[in-house]
Protein backbone atom coordinates (compact mmCIF):
# COMPACT_ATOMS: atom_id res chain seq x y z
CA MET A 1 -80.16 228.50 76.02
CA SER A 2 -81.85 225.41 74.51
CA ILE A 3 -80.31 221.98 74.55
CA ASP A 4 -80.51 219.65 71.60
CA HIS A 5 -81.42 216.28 73.12
CA SER A 6 -81.53 214.45 69.81
CA SER A 7 -77.74 214.14 69.59
CA SER A 8 -77.49 212.67 73.08
CA SER A 9 -80.33 210.17 72.67
CA PRO A 10 -79.15 206.54 72.93
CA PHE A 11 -81.82 205.49 70.42
CA PRO A 12 -81.67 206.19 66.68
CA VAL A 13 -84.19 208.69 65.39
CA ALA A 14 -86.45 207.33 62.64
CA ASN A 15 -86.30 209.10 59.32
CA PRO A 16 -89.88 209.82 58.19
CA ASN A 17 -88.79 209.69 54.55
CA THR A 18 -87.49 206.13 54.81
CA ASN A 19 -89.23 203.73 52.43
CA ARG A 20 -90.22 200.71 54.50
CA ARG A 21 -90.68 197.28 53.02
CA THR A 22 -94.19 195.93 52.81
CA THR A 23 -95.43 192.42 52.24
CA ASN A 24 -97.81 190.83 49.82
CA TYR A 25 -99.69 188.49 52.15
CA HIS A 26 -103.02 187.08 51.03
CA ARG A 27 -106.01 188.89 52.42
CA SER A 28 -108.13 187.15 55.04
CA ILE A 29 -110.41 184.57 53.44
CA TRP A 30 -113.11 185.29 56.04
CA GLY A 31 -113.92 188.85 55.00
CA ASN A 32 -116.84 190.19 57.05
CA SER A 33 -118.50 186.79 57.49
CA PHE A 34 -118.26 186.83 61.28
CA ILE A 35 -119.29 190.47 61.60
CA LEU A 36 -122.38 189.80 59.50
CA SER A 37 -123.13 186.37 60.98
CA ASP A 38 -126.75 185.71 61.91
CA THR A 39 -127.19 185.84 65.69
CA ARG A 40 -130.98 185.77 65.86
CA ASP A 41 -130.92 182.37 67.56
CA ASP A 42 -128.46 183.63 70.16
CA ASN A 43 -130.62 186.26 71.86
CA GLU A 44 -130.48 186.65 75.63
CA ILE A 45 -133.82 184.90 76.29
CA THR A 46 -132.86 181.84 74.27
CA LEU A 47 -129.42 181.62 75.86
CA ALA A 48 -130.90 182.05 79.35
CA HIS A 49 -133.32 179.18 78.69
CA LYS A 50 -130.52 176.97 77.40
CA GLY A 51 -128.39 177.98 80.36
CA GLN A 52 -131.09 176.74 82.76
CA GLN A 53 -131.35 173.50 80.79
CA LEU A 54 -127.59 173.14 81.14
CA GLU A 55 -127.73 173.53 84.92
CA ASP A 56 -130.57 171.00 85.22
CA LEU A 57 -128.68 168.44 83.14
CA LYS A 58 -125.51 169.03 85.14
CA GLU A 59 -127.37 168.10 88.33
CA GLU A 60 -128.71 164.91 86.70
CA VAL A 61 -125.23 163.92 85.57
CA ARG A 62 -123.78 164.76 88.98
CA ARG A 63 -126.33 162.46 90.64
CA GLU A 64 -125.43 159.66 88.23
CA LEU A 65 -121.75 160.13 88.96
CA ILE A 66 -122.33 159.93 92.71
CA ALA A 67 -124.68 156.94 92.38
CA ALA A 68 -121.99 155.02 90.47
CA ASN A 69 -119.77 155.17 93.54
CA SER A 70 -120.93 151.66 94.52
CA ASP A 71 -119.34 150.30 91.33
CA PRO A 72 -115.84 151.82 91.00
CA LEU A 73 -115.24 150.49 87.49
CA LYS A 74 -118.58 151.83 86.25
CA GLN A 75 -117.76 155.17 87.82
CA LEU A 76 -114.36 155.26 86.13
CA LYS A 77 -115.96 154.63 82.74
CA PHE A 78 -118.49 157.39 83.44
CA ILE A 79 -115.70 159.82 84.32
CA ASP A 80 -113.85 158.83 81.16
CA ALA A 81 -116.97 159.61 79.09
CA ILE A 82 -117.37 162.98 80.81
CA GLN A 83 -113.79 163.91 80.00
CA ARG A 84 -113.88 162.70 76.40
CA LEU A 85 -117.09 164.65 75.78
CA GLY A 86 -115.32 167.84 76.88
CA LEU A 87 -117.44 168.26 80.01
CA ALA A 88 -114.86 167.75 82.75
CA TYR A 89 -114.64 171.48 83.48
CA HIS A 90 -118.22 171.32 84.82
CA PHE A 91 -117.39 168.54 87.28
CA GLU A 92 -113.82 169.17 88.43
CA LYS A 93 -114.58 168.88 92.14
CA ASP A 94 -116.86 165.85 91.69
CA ILE A 95 -114.28 164.01 89.59
CA GLU A 96 -111.51 164.83 92.05
CA GLU A 97 -113.55 163.46 94.98
CA ALA A 98 -114.60 160.33 93.07
CA LEU A 99 -111.04 159.52 92.04
CA GLN A 100 -109.79 160.20 95.56
CA ASP A 101 -112.28 157.64 96.87
CA THR A 102 -111.13 155.16 94.22
CA TYR A 103 -107.48 155.77 95.12
CA ASP A 104 -108.12 155.41 98.87
CA GLY A 105 -110.49 152.45 98.62
CA THR A 106 -108.66 149.95 96.48
CA ASN A 107 -105.21 148.56 96.00
CA ASP A 108 -106.32 145.97 93.48
CA ILE A 109 -106.37 146.16 89.73
CA TYR A 110 -109.11 144.67 87.61
CA HIS A 111 -107.10 141.94 85.82
CA ASP A 112 -108.35 143.19 82.48
CA LEU A 113 -106.03 145.21 80.25
CA TYR A 114 -108.58 147.87 79.27
CA ASP A 115 -109.91 148.34 82.80
CA ASP A 116 -106.43 148.41 84.30
CA ALA A 117 -105.24 150.97 81.75
CA LEU A 118 -108.32 153.15 82.32
CA TRP A 119 -107.85 153.03 86.10
CA PHE A 120 -104.16 153.86 85.73
CA ARG A 121 -104.68 156.72 83.24
CA LEU A 122 -107.48 158.49 85.09
CA LEU A 123 -105.66 158.40 88.41
CA ARG A 124 -102.28 159.37 86.99
CA GLN A 125 -103.57 162.29 84.95
CA GLN A 126 -105.35 163.54 88.06
CA GLY A 127 -101.98 163.58 89.85
CA PHE A 128 -102.26 160.50 92.05
CA ASP A 129 -99.12 158.54 92.80
CA ILE A 130 -99.64 155.32 90.83
CA SER A 131 -96.67 153.16 89.92
CA CYS A 132 -96.28 152.16 86.29
CA GLY A 133 -95.15 148.75 87.47
CA ILE A 134 -98.63 147.82 88.59
CA LEU A 135 -99.70 147.32 84.97
CA ASN A 136 -96.91 144.83 84.34
CA LEU A 137 -99.20 142.26 85.97
CA SER A 138 -101.38 142.53 82.88
CA GLY A 139 -98.42 142.20 80.54
CA PHE A 140 -98.66 145.89 79.61
CA LYS A 141 -95.81 148.37 79.93
CA PRO A 142 -97.00 152.00 79.85
CA ARG A 143 -94.79 154.46 78.00
CA GLY A 144 -96.12 157.67 79.47
CA LEU A 145 -99.49 159.34 79.32
CA PRO A 146 -100.73 160.65 75.96
CA ILE A 147 -100.92 164.38 75.45
CA GLN A 148 -104.50 165.29 74.63
CA THR A 149 -106.01 168.49 73.30
CA LYS A 150 -109.19 168.89 75.29
CA GLY A 151 -112.28 169.59 73.26
CA LEU A 152 -110.70 168.76 69.92
CA ASP A 153 -112.34 165.33 69.64
CA ALA A 154 -115.42 165.92 71.81
CA ARG A 155 -117.76 166.33 68.85
CA ALA A 156 -116.49 163.15 67.19
CA PHE A 157 -116.84 161.17 70.42
CA MET A 158 -120.53 162.11 70.72
CA SER A 159 -121.32 159.90 67.72
CA ILE A 160 -119.38 157.02 69.27
CA TYR A 161 -120.89 157.44 72.72
CA GLN A 162 -124.50 157.59 71.58
CA ASP A 163 -124.08 154.18 69.89
CA GLU A 164 -123.05 152.58 73.17
CA ALA A 165 -125.95 150.60 74.61
CA SER A 166 -125.18 151.70 78.17
CA HIS A 167 -124.74 155.40 77.44
CA SER A 168 -126.27 158.00 79.75
CA LYS A 169 -129.01 159.97 78.02
CA SER A 170 -128.54 162.90 80.38
CA LEU A 171 -124.81 163.00 79.75
CA LEU A 172 -125.31 162.88 75.98
CA LYS A 173 -127.91 165.66 76.09
CA LEU A 174 -125.59 167.75 78.24
CA ALA A 175 -122.70 167.22 75.82
CA LYS A 176 -124.77 168.34 72.83
CA LEU A 177 -126.21 171.36 74.61
CA ASP A 178 -122.83 172.41 75.99
CA PHE A 179 -121.29 172.06 72.52
CA ASN A 180 -123.98 174.25 70.95
CA LEU A 181 -123.68 176.90 73.67
CA LEU A 182 -119.93 177.02 73.21
CA GLN A 183 -120.41 177.46 69.46
CA SER A 184 -122.71 180.42 70.15
CA LEU A 185 -120.12 181.90 72.48
CA TYR A 186 -117.32 181.45 69.94
CA LYS A 187 -119.43 183.05 67.22
CA LYS A 188 -120.24 186.03 69.43
CA GLU A 189 -116.61 186.51 70.46
CA LEU A 190 -115.44 186.26 66.85
CA SER A 191 -118.03 188.82 65.82
CA ASN A 192 -116.86 191.24 68.53
CA ILE A 193 -113.13 190.94 67.86
CA SER A 194 -113.63 191.01 64.08
CA ARG A 195 -115.58 194.26 64.41
CA TRP A 196 -112.86 195.67 66.70
CA TRP A 197 -110.17 194.65 64.20
CA LYS A 198 -112.03 196.25 61.31
CA ASP A 199 -112.78 199.48 63.19
CA LEU A 200 -109.10 199.94 63.99
CA ASP A 201 -108.25 199.12 60.36
CA PHE A 202 -105.19 197.08 61.31
CA SER A 203 -105.19 195.18 58.02
CA SER A 204 -104.29 198.36 56.10
CA LYS A 205 -102.26 200.12 58.80
CA LEU A 206 -100.02 197.15 59.65
CA LEU A 207 -98.96 196.13 56.17
CA PHE A 208 -96.07 194.06 57.53
CA ALA A 209 -98.40 191.83 59.58
CA ARG A 210 -100.57 188.94 58.47
CA ASP A 211 -104.33 189.45 58.70
CA ARG A 212 -104.97 186.20 60.52
CA LEU A 213 -107.18 187.23 63.42
CA VAL A 214 -109.68 184.40 62.99
CA GLU A 215 -107.01 181.71 62.71
CA GLY A 216 -105.37 183.00 65.88
CA TYR A 217 -108.67 182.85 67.70
CA PHE A 218 -109.25 179.26 66.54
CA TRP A 219 -105.86 178.17 67.87
CA ILE A 220 -106.67 179.63 71.30
CA ALA A 221 -110.16 178.10 71.34
CA ILE A 222 -108.78 174.63 70.55
CA VAL A 223 -106.31 174.68 73.42
CA CYS A 224 -108.48 176.59 75.94
CA PHE A 225 -112.02 175.71 74.91
CA GLU A 226 -113.65 176.31 78.32
CA PRO A 227 -115.66 179.55 78.56
């Protein structure tokens, strides 16, 4: 004797003849541009060479960061440049140790509004216990740390930094090379996921969904730009 389970199912059974609503979203403006993008300059040999250049420049910048330890304010400005150029993820341990030394080695502020604010911001955003009241001596009352989107303004800051007379050539070269390598990585990832999306034909199978794969990828890359 067979048992009809359909009547006892707690979930409604879909009617295959039901006419489902569809949408009329605009098609993706990108088309196959990322699938067909030219990757001749991104071959393994070229990327390996650039990767070695990156490591060499990182060591040069690391030596400069350590050498600036004798001048805490100079070191703070160097760390600030590293972070604003989107390179902090290469030097997390070095920055942590440098700021720890700064925190342990001084209880004085610099009696200059910009320098005091820089000292306060770098230490606070690194998690050190710095009282807001210390900046009142400069007539400045902080209203909380700004929320920054890492990597979003790195390219724009390169133009500003290279015009500074005291800029580090090694740091600037590293920033440009790192930026270009990240662009190559983004292009490769977009090519792979665009091909995957097209092969599965989601844009025609999921008519109720927006075909916004590239825009979604851009949002993720802006917030989490590190490779």
